Amino acid sequence: MSPGTVTLDLYKGKVLIHCLTSESAKELQKGEANRRVAALEPR
């Protein structure tokens, strides 16, 4: 999740996210924030 997003629902491992702007939706779909967070997780 990133600034400008709100989680609306979590069901069977899927997260429904409402983005406040179309720009934040596009950034979320790119997955860059997800890649950065995943890189911080221990392996």
PDB file of N, CA and C in Angstrom:
ATOM      1  N   MET A   1       0.850  -1.170   0.000  1.00  0.00           N
ATOM      2  CA  MET A   1       0.000   0.000   0.000  1.00  0.00           C
ATOM      3  C   MET A   1       0.896   1.234   0.000  1.00  0.00           C
ATOM      4  N   SER A   2       0.381   2.269  -0.535  1.00  0.00           N
ATOM      5  CA  SER A   2       1.137   3.503  -0.632  1.00  0.00           C
ATOM      6  C   SER A   2       0.254   4.673  -0.212  1.00  0.00           C
ATOM      7  N   PRO A   3       0.857   5.828   0.001  1.00  0.00           N
ATOM      8  CA  PRO A   3       0.029   6.993   0.329  1.00  0.00           C
ATOM      9  C   PRO A   3      -1.029   7.216  -0.755  1.00  0.00           C
ATOM     10  N   GLY A   4      -2.225   7.552  -0.327  1.00  0.00           N
ATOM     11  CA  GLY A   4      -3.304   7.777  -1.290  1.00  0.00           C
ATOM     12  C   GLY A   4      -4.107   6.536  -1.605  1.00  0.00           C
ATOM     13  N   THR A   5      -3.911   5.450  -0.811  1.00  0.00           N
ATOM     14  CA  THR A   5      -4.696   4.238  -1.014  1.00  0.00           C
ATOM     15  C   THR A   5      -5.379   3.847   0.288  1.00  0.00           C
ATOM     16  N   VAL A   6      -6.483   3.144   0.151  1.00  0.00           N
ATOM     17  CA  VAL A   6      -7.233   2.650   1.301  1.00  0.00           C
ATOM     18  C   VAL A   6      -7.629   1.210   1.001  1.00  0.00           C
ATOM     19  N   THR A   7      -7.331   0.288   1.923  1.00  0.00           N
ATOM     20  CA  THR A   7      -7.749  -1.094   1.744  1.00  0.00           C
ATOM     21  C   THR A   7      -9.230  -1.208   2.072  1.00  0.00           C
ATOM     22  N   LEU A   8      -9.994  -1.766   1.150  1.00  0.00           N
ATOM     23  CA  LEU A   8     -11.431  -1.905   1.357  1.00  0.00           C
ATOM     24  C   LEU A   8     -11.836  -3.304   1.768  1.00  0.00           C
ATOM     25  N   ASP A   9     -11.092  -4.314   1.321  1.00  0.00           N
ATOM     26  CA  ASP A   9     -11.512  -5.683   1.587  1.00  0.00           C
ATOM     27  C   ASP A   9     -10.328  -6.625   1.434  1.00  0.00           C
ATOM     28  N   LEU A  10     -10.345  -7.692   2.203  1.00  0.00           N
ATOM     29  CA  LEU A  10      -9.368  -8.762   2.096  1.00  0.00           C
ATOM     30  C   LEU A  10     -10.149 -10.060   2.058  1.00  0.00           C
ATOM     31  N   TYR A  11     -10.001 -10.820   0.973  1.00  0.00           N
ATOM     32  CA  TYR A  11     -10.772 -12.040   0.803  1.00  0.00           C
ATOM     33  C   TYR A  11      -9.940 -13.078   0.076  1.00  0.00           C
ATOM     34  N   LYS A  12      -9.737 -14.203   0.722  1.00  0.00           N
ATOM     35  CA  LYS A  12      -9.001 -15.329   0.136  1.00  0.00           C
ATOM     36  C   LYS A  12      -7.661 -14.904  -0.461  1.00  0.00           C
ATOM     37  N   GLY A  13      -6.923 -14.101   0.283  1.00  0.00           N
ATOM     38  CA  GLY A  13      -5.587 -13.709  -0.138  1.00  0.00           C
ATOM     39  C   GLY A  13      -5.532 -12.581  -1.142  1.00  0.00           C
ATOM     40  N   LYS A  14      -6.669 -12.005  -1.484  1.00  0.00           N
ATOM     41  CA  LYS A  14      -6.691 -10.876  -2.419  1.00  0.00           C
ATOM     42  C   LYS A  14      -7.123  -9.628  -1.672  1.00  0.00           C
ATOM     43  N   VAL A  15      -6.512  -8.508  -2.016  1.00  0.00           N
ATOM     44  CA  VAL A  15      -6.788  -7.237  -1.364  1.00  0.00           C
ATOM     45  C   VAL A  15      -7.448  -6.301  -2.371  1.00  0.00           C
ATOM     46  N   LEU A  16      -8.598  -5.758  -2.002  1.00  0.00           N
ATOM     47  CA  LEU A  16      -9.262  -4.756  -2.828  1.00  0.00           C
ATOM     48  C   LEU A  16      -8.816  -3.397  -2.327  1.00  0.00           C
ATOM     49  N   ILE A  17      -8.221  -2.593  -3.200  1.00  0.00           N
ATOM     50  CA  ILE A  17      -7.666  -1.296  -2.808  1.00  0.00           C
ATOM     51  C   ILE A  17      -8.357  -0.186  -3.581  1.00  0.00           C
ATOM     52  N   HIS A  18      -8.761   0.838  -2.874  1.00  0.00           N
ATOM     53  CA  HIS A  18      -9.334   2.030  -3.492  1.00  0.00           C
ATOM     54  C   HIS A  18      -8.244   3.084  -3.542  1.00  0.00           C
ATOM     55  N   CYS A  19      -7.932   3.579  -4.711  1.00  0.00           N
ATOM     56  CA  CYS A  19      -6.933   4.632  -4.871  1.00  0.00           C
ATOM     57  C   CYS A  19      -7.644   5.972  -4.977  1.00  0.00           C
ATOM     58  N   LEU A  20      -7.090   6.961  -4.318  1.00  0.00           N
ATOM     59  CA  LEU A  20      -7.712   8.274  -4.283  1.00  0.00           C
ATOM     60  C   LEU A  20      -7.512   9.054  -5.580  1.00  0.00           C
ATOM     61  N   THR A  21      -6.482   8.704  -6.330  1.00  0.00           N
ATOM     62  CA  THR A  21      -6.245   9.362  -7.623  1.00  0.00           C
ATOM     63  C   THR A  21      -5.877   8.303  -8.660  1.00  0.00           C
ATOM     64  N   SER A  22      -6.072   8.633  -9.921  1.00  0.00           N
ATOM     65  CA  SER A  22      -5.690   7.695 -10.980  1.00  0.00           C
ATOM     66  C   SER A  22      -4.176   7.528 -11.022  1.00  0.00           C
ATOM     67  N   GLU A  23      -3.449   8.580 -10.654  1.00  0.00           N
ATOM     68  CA  GLU A  23      -1.982   8.485 -10.622  1.00  0.00           C
ATOM     69  C   GLU A  23      -1.520   7.470  -9.582  1.00  0.00           C
ATOM     70  N   SER A  24      -2.132   7.482  -8.397  1.00  0.00           N
ATOM     71  CA  SER A  24      -1.731   6.512  -7.376  1.00  0.00           C
ATOM     72  C   SER A  24      -2.105   5.098  -7.808  1.00  0.00           C
ATOM     73  N   ALA A  25      -3.193   4.934  -8.554  1.00  0.00           N
ATOM     74  CA  ALA A  25      -3.572   3.610  -9.071  1.00  0.00           C
ATOM     75  C   ALA A  25      -2.526   3.109 -10.059  1.00  0.00           C
ATOM     76  N   LYS A  26      -2.066   3.977 -10.928  1.00  0.00           N
ATOM     77  CA  LYS A  26      -1.051   3.592 -11.913  1.00  0.00           C
ATOM     78  C   LYS A  26       0.249   3.196 -11.226  1.00  0.00           C
ATOM     79  N   GLU A  27       0.652   3.959 -10.221  1.00  0.00           N
ATOM     80  CA  GLU A  27       1.880   3.640  -9.488  1.00  0.00           C
ATOM     81  C   GLU A  27       1.749   2.305  -8.765  1.00  0.00           C
ATOM     82  N   LEU A  28       0.593   2.058  -8.194  1.00  0.00           N
ATOM     83  CA  LEU A  28       0.356   0.801  -7.495  1.00  0.00           C
ATOM     84  C   LEU A  28       0.426  -0.375  -8.466  1.00  0.00           C
ATOM     85  N   GLN A  29      -0.136  -0.220  -9.654  1.00  0.00           N
ATOM     86  CA  GLN A  29      -0.121  -1.288 -10.649  1.00  0.00           C
ATOM     87  C   GLN A  29       1.278  -1.575 -11.170  1.00  0.00           C
ATOM     88  N   LYS A  30       2.141  -0.593 -11.175  1.00  0.00           N
ATOM     89  CA  LYS A  30       3.522  -0.806 -11.619  1.00  0.00           C
ATOM     90  C   LYS A  30       4.245  -1.780 -10.700  1.00  0.00           C
ATOM     91  N   GLY A  31       3.889  -1.766  -9.411  1.00  0.00           N
ATOM     92  CA  GLY A  31       4.471  -2.706  -8.470  1.00  0.00           C
ATOM     93  C   GLY A  31       5.809  -2.292  -7.889  1.00  0.00           C
ATOM     94  N   GLU A  32       6.259  -1.091  -8.144  1.00  0.00           N
ATOM     95  CA  GLU A  32       7.569  -0.664  -7.634  1.00  0.00           C
ATOM     96  C   GLU A  32       7.606  -0.666  -6.112  1.00  0.00           C
ATOM     97  N   ALA A  33       6.578  -0.145  -5.473  1.00  0.00           N
ATOM     98  CA  ALA A  33       6.551  -0.127  -4.001  1.00  0.00           C
ATOM     99  C   ALA A  33       6.578  -1.548  -3.456  1.00  0.00           C
ATOM    100  N   ASN A  34       5.853  -2.445  -4.093  1.00  0.00           N
ATOM    101  CA  ASN A  34       5.830  -3.836  -3.662  1.00  0.00           C
ATOM    102  C   ASN A  34       7.215  -4.467  -3.779  1.00  0.00           C
ATOM    103  N   ARG A  35       7.911  -4.195  -4.860  1.00  0.00           N
ATOM    104  CA  ARG A  35       9.269  -4.734  -5.039  1.00  0.00           C
ATOM    105  C   ARG A  35      10.210  -4.207  -3.963  1.00  0.00           C
ATOM    106  N   ARG A  36      10.088  -2.923  -3.634  1.00  0.00           N
ATOM    107  CA  ARG A  36      10.970  -2.334  -2.617  1.00  0.00           C
ATOM    108  C   ARG A  36      10.716  -2.952  -1.247  1.00  0.00           C
ATOM    109  N   VAL A  37       9.459  -3.157  -0.905  1.00  0.00           N
ATOM    110  CA  VAL A  37       9.131  -3.767   0.395  1.00  0.00           C
ATOM    111  C   VAL A  37       9.601  -5.222   0.425  1.00  0.00           C
ATOM    112  N   ALA A  38       9.374  -5.943  -0.661  1.00  0.00           N
ATOM    113  CA  ALA A  38       9.794  -7.336  -0.719  1.00  0.00           C
ATOM    114  C   ALA A  38      11.313  -7.468  -0.556  1.00  0.00           C
ATOM    115  N   ALA A  39      12.061  -6.502  -1.063  1.00  0.00           N
ATOM    116  CA  ALA A  39      13.512  -6.545  -0.943  1.00  0.00           C
ATOM    117  C   ALA A  39      13.969  -6.384   0.511  1.00  0.00           C
ATOM    118  N   LEU A  40      13.138  -5.810   1.354  1.00  0.00           N
ATOM    119  CA  LEU A  40      13.483  -5.619   2.761  1.00  0.00           C
ATOM    120  C   LEU A  40      13.200  -6.855   3.615  1.00  0.00           C
ATOM    121  N   GLU A  41      12.379  -7.755   3.124  1.00  0.00           N
ATOM    122  CA  GLU A  41      12.020  -8.940   3.888  1.00  0.00           C
ATOM    123  C   GLU A  41      13.187  -9.932   3.913  1.00  0.00           C
ATOM    124  N   PRO A  42      13.415 -10.531   5.090  1.00  0.00           N
ATOM    125  CA  PRO A  42      14.478 -11.533   5.178  1.00  0.00           C
ATOM    126  C   PRO A  42      14.113 -12.764   4.347  1.00  0.00           C
ATOM    127  N   ARG A  43      15.132 -13.396   3.816  1.00  0.00           N
ATOM    128  CA  ARG A  43      14.894 -14.602   2.980  1.00  0.00           C
ATOM    129  C   ARG A  43      15.249 -15.837   3.711  1.00  0.00           C
TER     130      ARG A  43
END
